[in-house]
Protein backbone atom coordinates (compact mmCIF):
# COMPACT_ATOMS: atom_id res chain seq x y z
CA UNK A 1 -9.10 8.30 -63.34
CA UNK A 2 -9.27 12.04 -63.19
CA UNK A 3 -6.58 13.93 -61.32
CA UNK A 4 -9.19 15.60 -59.08
CA UNK A 5 -10.44 12.16 -58.00
CA UNK A 6 -6.88 11.06 -57.29
CA UNK A 7 -6.30 14.17 -55.20
CA UNK A 8 -9.49 13.57 -53.22
CA UNK A 9 -8.52 9.94 -52.58
CA UNK A 10 -5.04 10.98 -51.44
CA UNK A 11 -6.48 13.63 -49.09
CA UNK A 12 -8.99 11.13 -47.71
CA UNK A 13 -6.23 8.55 -47.17
CA UNK A 14 -3.98 11.11 -45.41
CA UNK A 15 -6.86 12.30 -43.19
CA UNK A 16 -7.82 8.70 -42.38
CA UNK A 17 -4.19 7.86 -41.57
CA UNK A 18 -3.87 10.92 -39.29
CA UNK A 19 -7.18 10.18 -37.59
CA UNK A 20 -6.17 6.56 -37.03
CA UNK A 21 -2.78 7.64 -35.64
CA UNK A 22 -4.40 10.09 -33.20
CA UNK A 23 -6.96 7.46 -32.19
CA UNK A 24 -4.22 4.84 -31.60
CA UNK A 25 -2.18 7.35 -29.61
CA UNK A 26 -5.04 8.21 -27.24
CA UNK A 27 -6.45 4.70 -26.93
CA UNK A 28 -3.03 3.07 -26.54
CA UNK A 29 -1.89 5.49 -23.85
CA UNK A 30 -5.26 5.37 -22.07
CA UNK A 31 -5.17 1.57 -21.96
CA UNK A 32 -1.58 1.58 -20.68
CA UNK A 33 -2.50 4.04 -17.92
CA UNK A 34 -5.47 1.87 -16.95
CA UNK A 35 -3.20 -1.20 -16.84
CA UNK A 36 -0.71 0.56 -14.55
CA UNK A 37 -3.54 1.93 -12.40
CA UNK A 38 -5.02 -1.54 -12.00
CA UNK A 39 -1.59 -2.85 -11.01
CA UNK A 40 -1.43 -0.18 -8.28
CA UNK A 41 -4.87 -1.31 -7.07
CA UNK A 42 -3.77 -4.96 -7.06
CA UNK A 43 -0.59 -4.18 -5.13
CA UNK A 44 -2.59 -2.14 -2.63
CA UNK A 45 -4.88 -5.12 -2.11
CA UNK A 46 -1.80 -7.20 -1.23
CA UNK A 47 -0.71 -4.56 1.28
CA UNK A 48 -4.19 -4.67 2.81
CA UNK A 49 -4.13 -8.49 2.91
CA UNK A 50 -0.89 -8.50 4.88
CA UNK A 51 -2.07 -5.83 7.31
CA UNK A 52 -5.30 -7.80 7.78
CA UNK A 53 -3.26 -10.92 8.52
CA UNK A 54 -1.49 -9.00 11.28
CA UNK A 55 -4.79 -7.68 12.65
CA UNK A 56 -6.15 -11.25 12.74
CA UNK A 57 -3.13 -12.56 14.69
CA UNK A 58 -3.32 -9.95 17.44
CA UNK A 59 -6.34 -11.27 19.41
CA UNK A 60 -4.59 -14.64 19.84
CA UNK A 61 -1.40 -12.92 20.95
CA UNK A 62 -3.29 -10.72 23.42
CA UNK A 63 -5.15 -13.72 24.83
CA UNK A 64 -1.92 -15.66 25.27
CA UNK A 65 -0.13 -12.79 27.01
CA UNK A 66 -3.21 -12.05 29.16
CA UNK A 67 -3.06 -15.54 30.56
CA UNK A 68 0.35 -14.77 32.06
CA UNK A 69 0.26 -11.01 32.59
CA UNK A 70 -3.31 -10.14 33.45
CA UNK A 71 -2.35 -6.96 35.34
CA UNK A 72 -0.91 -5.29 32.18
CA UNK A 73 -4.35 -3.83 31.40
CA UNK A 74 -3.10 -0.55 29.90
CA UNK A 75 -1.08 -2.38 27.27
CA UNK A 76 -4.03 -4.61 26.35
CA UNK A 77 -6.32 -1.59 25.98
CA UNK A 78 -3.76 0.19 23.79
CA UNK A 79 -3.37 -2.82 21.51
CA UNK A 80 -7.12 -3.43 21.30
CA UNK A 81 -7.83 0.20 20.37
CA UNK A 82 -5.04 0.29 17.80
CA UNK A 83 -6.29 -2.99 16.31
CA UNK A 84 -9.85 -1.64 16.03
CA UNK A 85 -8.58 1.49 14.26
CA UNK A 86 -6.47 -0.56 11.86
CA UNK A 87 -9.32 -2.97 11.17
CA UNK A 88 -11.62 -0.07 10.28
CA UNK A 89 -9.23 0.77 7.43
CA UNK A 90 -9.45 -2.77 6.05
CA UNK A 91 -11.79 -1.99 3.16
CA UNK A 92 -10.26 1.37 2.30
CA UNK A 93 -9.17 1.81 -1.27
CA UNK A 94 -5.81 3.09 -2.42
CA UNK A 95 -5.00 6.41 -0.75
CA UNK A 96 -5.54 9.16 -3.30
CA UNK A 97 -3.24 11.75 -1.77
CA UNK A 98 -0.40 12.20 0.70
CA UNK A 99 -2.76 13.06 3.59
CA UNK A 100 -4.75 9.84 3.22
CA UNK A 101 -1.51 7.85 3.05
CA UNK A 102 -0.19 9.61 6.15
CA UNK A 103 -3.40 8.82 8.08
CA UNK A 104 -3.19 5.19 7.01
CA UNK A 105 0.44 4.96 8.10
CA UNK A 106 -0.25 6.62 11.47
CA UNK A 107 -2.94 4.06 12.22
CA UNK A 108 -0.70 1.15 11.24
CA UNK A 109 2.23 2.63 13.18
CA UNK A 110 0.05 2.84 16.30
CA UNK A 111 -0.76 -0.85 15.95
CA UNK A 112 2.92 -1.68 15.45
CA UNK A 113 3.77 0.24 18.63
CA UNK A 114 1.03 -1.63 20.50
CA UNK A 115 2.34 -5.00 19.38
CA UNK A 116 5.87 -4.00 20.39
CA UNK A 117 4.58 -3.02 23.84
CA UNK A 118 2.85 -6.37 24.12
CA UNK A 119 6.02 -8.22 23.17
CA UNK A 120 7.99 -6.10 25.66
CA UNK A 121 5.60 -7.20 28.41
CA UNK A 122 6.41 -10.79 27.54
CA UNK A 123 10.07 -10.14 28.33
CA UNK A 124 9.10 -9.88 32.03
CA UNK A 125 7.55 -13.34 32.09
CA UNK A 126 10.03 -16.17 31.41
CA UNK A 127 7.30 -18.81 31.41
CA UNK A 128 5.38 -16.86 28.75
CA UNK A 129 8.50 -16.52 26.60
CA UNK A 130 8.84 -20.30 26.72
CA UNK A 131 5.16 -20.95 25.86
CA UNK A 132 4.89 -22.74 22.51
CA UNK A 133 1.72 -20.90 21.52
CA UNK A 134 3.35 -17.53 22.24
CA UNK A 135 6.48 -18.48 20.32
CA UNK A 136 4.42 -19.63 17.33
CA UNK A 137 2.40 -16.40 17.34
CA UNK A 138 5.57 -14.36 17.65
CA UNK A 139 7.04 -16.17 14.63
CA UNK A 140 3.86 -15.60 12.64
CA UNK A 141 3.90 -11.90 13.50
CA UNK A 142 7.52 -11.62 12.46
CA UNK A 143 6.76 -13.35 9.16
CA UNK A 144 3.78 -11.06 8.64
CA UNK A 145 5.90 -7.97 9.24
CA UNK A 146 8.29 -9.24 6.55
CA UNK A 147 5.37 -9.83 4.18
CA UNK A 148 4.10 -6.32 4.90
CA UNK A 149 7.51 -4.88 4.04
CA UNK A 150 7.59 -6.79 0.74
CA UNK A 151 3.99 -5.82 -0.13
CA UNK A 152 4.75 -2.15 0.61
CA UNK A 153 7.87 -2.34 -1.56
CA UNK A 154 5.90 -3.89 -4.44
CA UNK A 155 3.18 -1.25 -4.04
CA UNK A 156 5.73 1.57 -4.12
CA UNK A 157 7.30 0.10 -7.25
CA UNK A 158 3.94 -0.10 -9.05
CA UNK A 159 3.10 3.48 -7.98
CA UNK A 160 6.46 4.69 -9.27
CA UNK A 161 5.84 3.09 -12.69
CA UNK A 162 2.32 4.55 -12.84
CA UNK A 163 3.36 8.03 -11.67
CA UNK A 164 6.30 8.15 -14.08
CA UNK A 165 4.14 7.12 -17.02
CA UNK A 166 1.35 9.65 -16.41
CA UNK A 167 3.79 12.51 -15.87
CA UNK A 168 5.74 11.96 -19.11
CA UNK A 169 4.84 13.87 -22.22
CA UNK A 170 2.74 13.10 -24.28
CA UNK A 171 1.05 10.57 -21.93
CA UNK A 172 0.37 13.42 -19.50
CA UNK A 173 -2.14 14.81 -22.00
CA UNK A 174 -4.20 11.61 -21.89
CA UNK A 175 -3.81 11.31 -18.10
CA UNK A 176 -4.91 14.90 -17.46
CA UNK A 177 -7.89 14.62 -19.81
CA UNK A 178 -9.11 11.49 -18.03
CA UNK A 179 -8.48 12.49 -14.41
CA UNK A 180 -5.56 10.18 -13.67
CA UNK A 181 -3.53 11.69 -10.83
CA UNK A 182 -0.31 10.85 -9.04
CA UNK A 183 -0.63 8.18 -6.34
CA UNK A 184 1.12 8.53 -2.97
CA UNK A 185 3.81 6.11 -1.88
CA UNK A 186 4.67 4.70 1.51
CA UNK A 187 7.36 6.74 3.19
CA UNK A 188 9.49 6.04 6.23
CA UNK A 189 8.01 7.25 9.50
CA UNK A 190 9.40 10.34 11.21
CA UNK A 191 11.08 8.14 13.84
CA UNK A 192 13.07 6.42 11.11
CA UNK A 193 14.45 9.74 9.89
CA UNK A 194 16.72 10.19 12.90
CA UNK A 195 19.35 7.85 14.24
CA UNK A 196 18.40 6.13 17.51
CA UNK A 197 20.21 7.21 20.66
CA UNK A 198 22.35 4.52 22.17
CA UNK A 199 23.33 4.97 25.79
CA UNK A 200 25.67 2.74 27.77
């Protein structure tokens, strides 16, 4: 074999190796980003499922409380409006930025406040507090709130993994070229930032 042929074969092999390495780098990182992105989507769906569970429990809770405290109309209206707003977010995809996440959290916080008001009303009615249906609904709501907390935690963890991966070099090159952007996480509400006042 001539030396010029050997040189050409070596050059072709080196070019093919480099091309394959670049291809594997881009494809491998792209596929990993997609995997992490899909995990974020799946975790968001679990968050939505738990919030939907809470939304579904509220009409039964309202009906039960109404039977005992029919003159608490303002509280019922507040809860009903907050539930409608939360339900309208049911099919929303993963928030793409901090503003969308903040709007989602405000809506859910309003529903949480409404439910707390409803439960506070129950404190004034001893026979309602002893009602088996009310107690069962209260337990289900408490369990749902725990599930929401776990789902939010899992979502935040998946977002952290995704965000970390797409911000690292050299994966950031692939992420930027393909439009993958940071995802927002759940954050504590403003009320949780300050210690509650306790007065005796």
